[in-house]
Amino acid sequence: MGLVATAIGEGAAAEFITYAKMHEKMKDFRKILDGEAEPPTELDLLTAVISNVVEYYRTHKNQEVMDKILRLCSRIKEPEFGVLLAKMCKNLDERAFIKLATRSKEAQTFTERFGKYLFD
């Protein structure tokens, strides 16, 4: 850390080192989204995965991605993080989210579990 701290300062170096360690632990979010890997249970890693999925959805608003997102919401062990993922996607474009979510083959399962938190 000493060399990094010399270049950018101690506080920024500590944040960078923490980020680098987290990045090493984080699985490829696409594998998690595709169901090939389990979502992490560590909350910091899970938050990073959710952020990556939301950014991916921002540029890939289609039915296949929505199906995967709704399935992922149910696979996340902490339900509030599943709700967070869905709300963040909904907040990007509510119309597109509702259109795609209601057409999803995952819609019934998702709505039963999370609908009361999203559609108030």
C-alpha atoms as a PDB file:
ATOM      1  CA  MET A   1       0.000   0.000   0.000  1.00  0.00           C
ATOM      2  CA  GLY A   2       2.947   2.302   0.629  1.00  0.00           C
ATOM      3  CA  LEU A   3       3.698   2.873  -3.046  1.00  0.00           C
ATOM      4  CA  VAL A   4       0.050   3.518  -3.916  1.00  0.00           C
ATOM      5  CA  ALA A   5      -0.351   5.830  -0.893  1.00  0.00           C
ATOM      6  CA  THR A   6       2.668   7.852  -1.998  1.00  0.00           C
ATOM      7  CA  ALA A   7       1.045   8.463  -5.366  1.00  0.00           C
ATOM      8  CA  ILE A   8      -2.553   9.180  -4.345  1.00  0.00           C
ATOM      9  CA  GLY A   9      -2.665   9.602  -0.552  1.00  0.00           C
ATOM     10  CA  GLU A  10      -3.399   7.199   2.274  1.00  0.00           C
ATOM     11  CA  GLY A  11      -7.203   7.463   2.274  1.00  0.00           C
ATOM     12  CA  ALA A  12      -7.563   6.951  -1.469  1.00  0.00           C
ATOM     13  CA  ALA A  13      -5.006   4.130  -1.358  1.00  0.00           C
ATOM     14  CA  ALA A  14      -6.980   2.296   1.344  1.00  0.00           C
ATOM     15  CA  GLU A  15     -10.179   2.616  -0.723  1.00  0.00           C
ATOM     16  CA  PHE A  16      -8.359   1.411  -3.845  1.00  0.00           C
ATOM     17  CA  ILE A  17      -6.917  -1.617  -2.045  1.00  0.00           C
ATOM     18  CA  THR A  18     -10.370  -2.500  -0.666  1.00  0.00           C
ATOM     19  CA  TYR A  19     -11.864  -2.183  -4.149  1.00  0.00           C
ATOM     20  CA  ALA A  20      -9.120  -4.328  -5.684  1.00  0.00           C
ATOM     21  CA  LYS A  21      -9.674  -7.089  -3.106  1.00  0.00           C
ATOM     22  CA  MET A  22     -13.442  -6.995  -3.654  1.00  0.00           C
ATOM     23  CA  HIS A  23     -12.989  -7.074  -7.425  1.00  0.00           C
ATOM     24  CA  GLU A  24     -10.873 -10.213  -7.139  1.00  0.00           C
ATOM     25  CA  LYS A  25     -13.622 -11.946  -5.129  1.00  0.00           C
ATOM     26  CA  MET A  26     -16.484 -10.861  -7.353  1.00  0.00           C
ATOM     27  CA  LYS A  27     -17.591 -13.433  -9.877  1.00  0.00           C
ATOM     28  CA  ASP A  28     -18.433 -12.375 -13.389  1.00  0.00           C
ATOM     29  CA  PHE A  29     -21.874 -10.800 -12.983  1.00  0.00           C
ATOM     30  CA  ARG A  30     -22.967 -12.225 -16.357  1.00  0.00           C
ATOM     31  CA  LYS A  31     -22.488 -15.764 -15.041  1.00  0.00           C
ATOM     32  CA  ILE A  32     -24.620 -14.859 -12.043  1.00  0.00           C
ATOM     33  CA  LEU A  33     -27.251 -13.235 -14.257  1.00  0.00           C
ATOM     34  CA  ASP A  34     -27.254 -16.255 -16.577  1.00  0.00           C
ATOM     35  CA  GLY A  35     -27.731 -18.635 -13.634  1.00  0.00           C
ATOM     36  CA  GLU A  36     -24.325 -20.269 -14.100  1.00  0.00           C
ATOM     37  CA  ALA A  37     -23.076 -19.032 -10.714  1.00  0.00           C
ATOM     38  CA  GLU A  38     -24.779 -18.272  -7.428  1.00  0.00           C
ATOM     39  CA  PRO A  39     -25.152 -14.678  -6.247  1.00  0.00           C
ATOM     40  CA  PRO A  40     -22.659 -13.813  -3.517  1.00  0.00           C
ATOM     41  CA  THR A  41     -23.819 -13.760   0.084  1.00  0.00           C
ATOM     42  CA  GLU A  42     -21.385 -11.009   1.140  1.00  0.00           C
ATOM     43  CA  LEU A  43     -23.432  -7.811   1.035  1.00  0.00           C
ATOM     44  CA  ASP A  44     -20.688  -5.643  -0.487  1.00  0.00           C
ATOM     45  CA  LEU A  45     -20.168  -8.122  -3.326  1.00  0.00           C
ATOM     46  CA  LEU A  46     -23.903  -8.560  -3.808  1.00  0.00           C
ATOM     47  CA  THR A  47     -24.319  -4.798  -4.062  1.00  0.00           C
ATOM     48  CA  ALA A  48     -21.580  -4.682  -6.708  1.00  0.00           C
ATOM     49  CA  VAL A  49     -23.275  -7.476  -8.686  1.00  0.00           C
ATOM     50  CA  ILE A  50     -26.625  -5.678  -8.491  1.00  0.00           C
ATOM     51  CA  SER A  51     -25.028  -2.449  -9.730  1.00  0.00           C
ATOM     52  CA  ASN A  52     -23.471  -4.285 -12.665  1.00  0.00           C
ATOM     53  CA  VAL A  53     -26.757  -6.004 -13.558  1.00  0.00           C
ATOM     54  CA  VAL A  54     -28.647  -2.689 -13.464  1.00  0.00           C
ATOM     55  CA  GLU A  55     -26.080  -1.056 -15.739  1.00  0.00           C
ATOM     56  CA  TYR A  56     -26.308  -4.028 -18.090  1.00  0.00           C
ATOM     57  CA  TYR A  57     -30.107  -3.730 -18.138  1.00  0.00           C
ATOM     58  CA  ARG A  58     -29.773  -0.011 -18.945  1.00  0.00           C
ATOM     59  CA  THR A  59     -28.391  -0.919 -22.391  1.00  0.00           C
ATOM     60  CA  HIS A  60     -30.072  -4.308 -22.850  1.00  0.00           C
ATOM     61  CA  LYS A  61     -33.769  -3.762 -22.154  1.00  0.00           C
ATOM     62  CA  ASN A  62     -35.199  -6.885 -23.713  1.00  0.00           C
ATOM     63  CA  GLN A  63     -37.318  -9.837 -22.681  1.00  0.00           C
ATOM     64  CA  GLU A  64     -34.456 -12.297 -22.273  1.00  0.00           C
ATOM     65  CA  VAL A  65     -32.586  -9.998 -19.895  1.00  0.00           C
ATOM     66  CA  MET A  66     -35.767  -9.218 -17.940  1.00  0.00           C
ATOM     67  CA  ASP A  67     -36.471 -12.931 -17.501  1.00  0.00           C
ATOM     68  CA  LYS A  68     -32.958 -13.412 -16.137  1.00  0.00           C
ATOM     69  CA  ILE A  69     -33.254 -10.423 -13.805  1.00  0.00           C
ATOM     70  CA  LEU A  70     -36.548 -11.601 -12.325  1.00  0.00           C
ATOM     71  CA  ARG A  71     -35.104 -15.095 -11.863  1.00  0.00           C
ATOM     72  CA  LEU A  72     -32.011 -13.600 -10.200  1.00  0.00           C
ATOM     73  CA  CYS A  73     -34.182 -11.577  -7.815  1.00  0.00           C
ATOM     74  CA  SER A  74     -35.637 -14.839  -6.534  1.00  0.00           C
ATOM     75  CA  ARG A  75     -32.214 -16.500  -6.274  1.00  0.00           C
ATOM     76  CA  ILE A  76     -30.781 -13.770  -4.044  1.00  0.00           C
ATOM     77  CA  LYS A  77     -30.949 -15.052  -0.461  1.00  0.00           C
ATOM     78  CA  GLU A  78     -31.717 -11.663   1.087  1.00  0.00           C
ATOM     79  CA  PRO A  79     -35.157 -10.713  -0.322  1.00  0.00           C
ATOM     80  CA  GLU A  80     -34.611  -6.994   0.189  1.00  0.00           C
ATOM     81  CA  PHE A  81     -31.725  -7.141  -2.266  1.00  0.00           C
ATOM     82  CA  GLY A  82     -33.982  -8.826  -4.827  1.00  0.00           C
ATOM     83  CA  VAL A  83     -36.412  -5.952  -4.345  1.00  0.00           C
ATOM     84  CA  LEU A  84     -33.547  -3.462  -4.629  1.00  0.00           C
ATOM     85  CA  LEU A  85     -32.470  -4.953  -7.963  1.00  0.00           C
ATOM     86  CA  ALA A  86     -35.996  -4.825  -9.352  1.00  0.00           C
ATOM     87  CA  LYS A  87     -36.635  -1.281  -8.102  1.00  0.00           C
ATOM     88  CA  MET A  88     -33.384  -0.014  -9.574  1.00  0.00           C
ATOM     89  CA  CYS A  89     -34.302  -1.495 -12.957  1.00  0.00           C
ATOM     90  CA  LYS A  90     -37.841  -0.133 -12.680  1.00  0.00           C
ATOM     91  CA  ASN A  91     -36.485   3.341 -11.879  1.00  0.00           C
ATOM     92  CA  LEU A  92     -34.463   3.390 -15.099  1.00  0.00           C
ATOM     93  CA  ASP A  93     -37.592   3.178 -17.241  1.00  0.00           C
ATOM     94  CA  GLU A  94     -40.817   2.286 -15.457  1.00  0.00           C
ATOM     95  CA  ARG A  95     -42.809   1.774 -18.643  1.00  0.00           C
ATOM     96  CA  ALA A  96     -40.300  -0.627 -20.177  1.00  0.00           C
ATOM     97  CA  PHE A  97     -39.877  -2.467 -16.884  1.00  0.00           C
ATOM     98  CA  ILE A  98     -43.614  -3.056 -16.428  1.00  0.00           C
ATOM     99  CA  LYS A  99     -44.052  -4.052 -20.070  1.00  0.00           C
ATOM    100  CA  LEU A 100     -41.207  -6.572 -19.956  1.00  0.00           C
ATOM    101  CA  ALA A 101     -41.928  -7.814 -16.431  1.00  0.00           C
ATOM    102  CA  THR A 102     -45.589  -8.536 -17.134  1.00  0.00           C
ATOM    103  CA  ARG A 103     -44.661 -10.482 -20.272  1.00  0.00           C
ATOM    104  CA  SER A 104     -42.001 -12.487 -18.490  1.00  0.00           C
ATOM    105  CA  LYS A 105     -42.385 -16.196 -17.907  1.00  0.00           C
ATOM    106  CA  GLU A 106     -41.023 -15.406 -14.427  1.00  0.00           C
ATOM    107  CA  ALA A 107     -43.756 -12.807 -13.725  1.00  0.00           C
ATOM    108  CA  GLN A 108     -46.056 -14.906 -11.567  1.00  0.00           C
ATOM    109  CA  THR A 109     -43.373 -16.197  -9.230  1.00  0.00           C
ATOM    110  CA  PHE A 110     -41.763 -12.772  -9.031  1.00  0.00           C
ATOM    111  CA  THR A 111     -45.049 -10.931  -8.392  1.00  0.00           C
ATOM    112  CA  GLU A 112     -46.111 -13.367  -5.686  1.00  0.00           C
ATOM    113  CA  ARG A 113     -42.870 -12.805  -3.840  1.00  0.00           C
ATOM    114  CA  PHE A 114     -42.098  -9.133  -4.521  1.00  0.00           C
ATOM    115  CA  GLY A 115     -45.086  -7.433  -6.170  1.00  0.00           C
ATOM    116  CA  LYS A 116     -46.337  -5.779  -2.985  1.00  0.00           C
ATOM    117  CA  TYR A 117     -42.985  -3.958  -2.678  1.00  0.00           C
ATOM    118  CA  LEU A 118     -42.846  -2.708  -6.254  1.00  0.00           C
ATOM    119  CA  PHE A 119     -46.339  -1.905  -7.367  1.00  0.00           C
ATOM    120  CA  ASP A 120     -47.700   0.265  -4.594  1.00  0.00           C
END
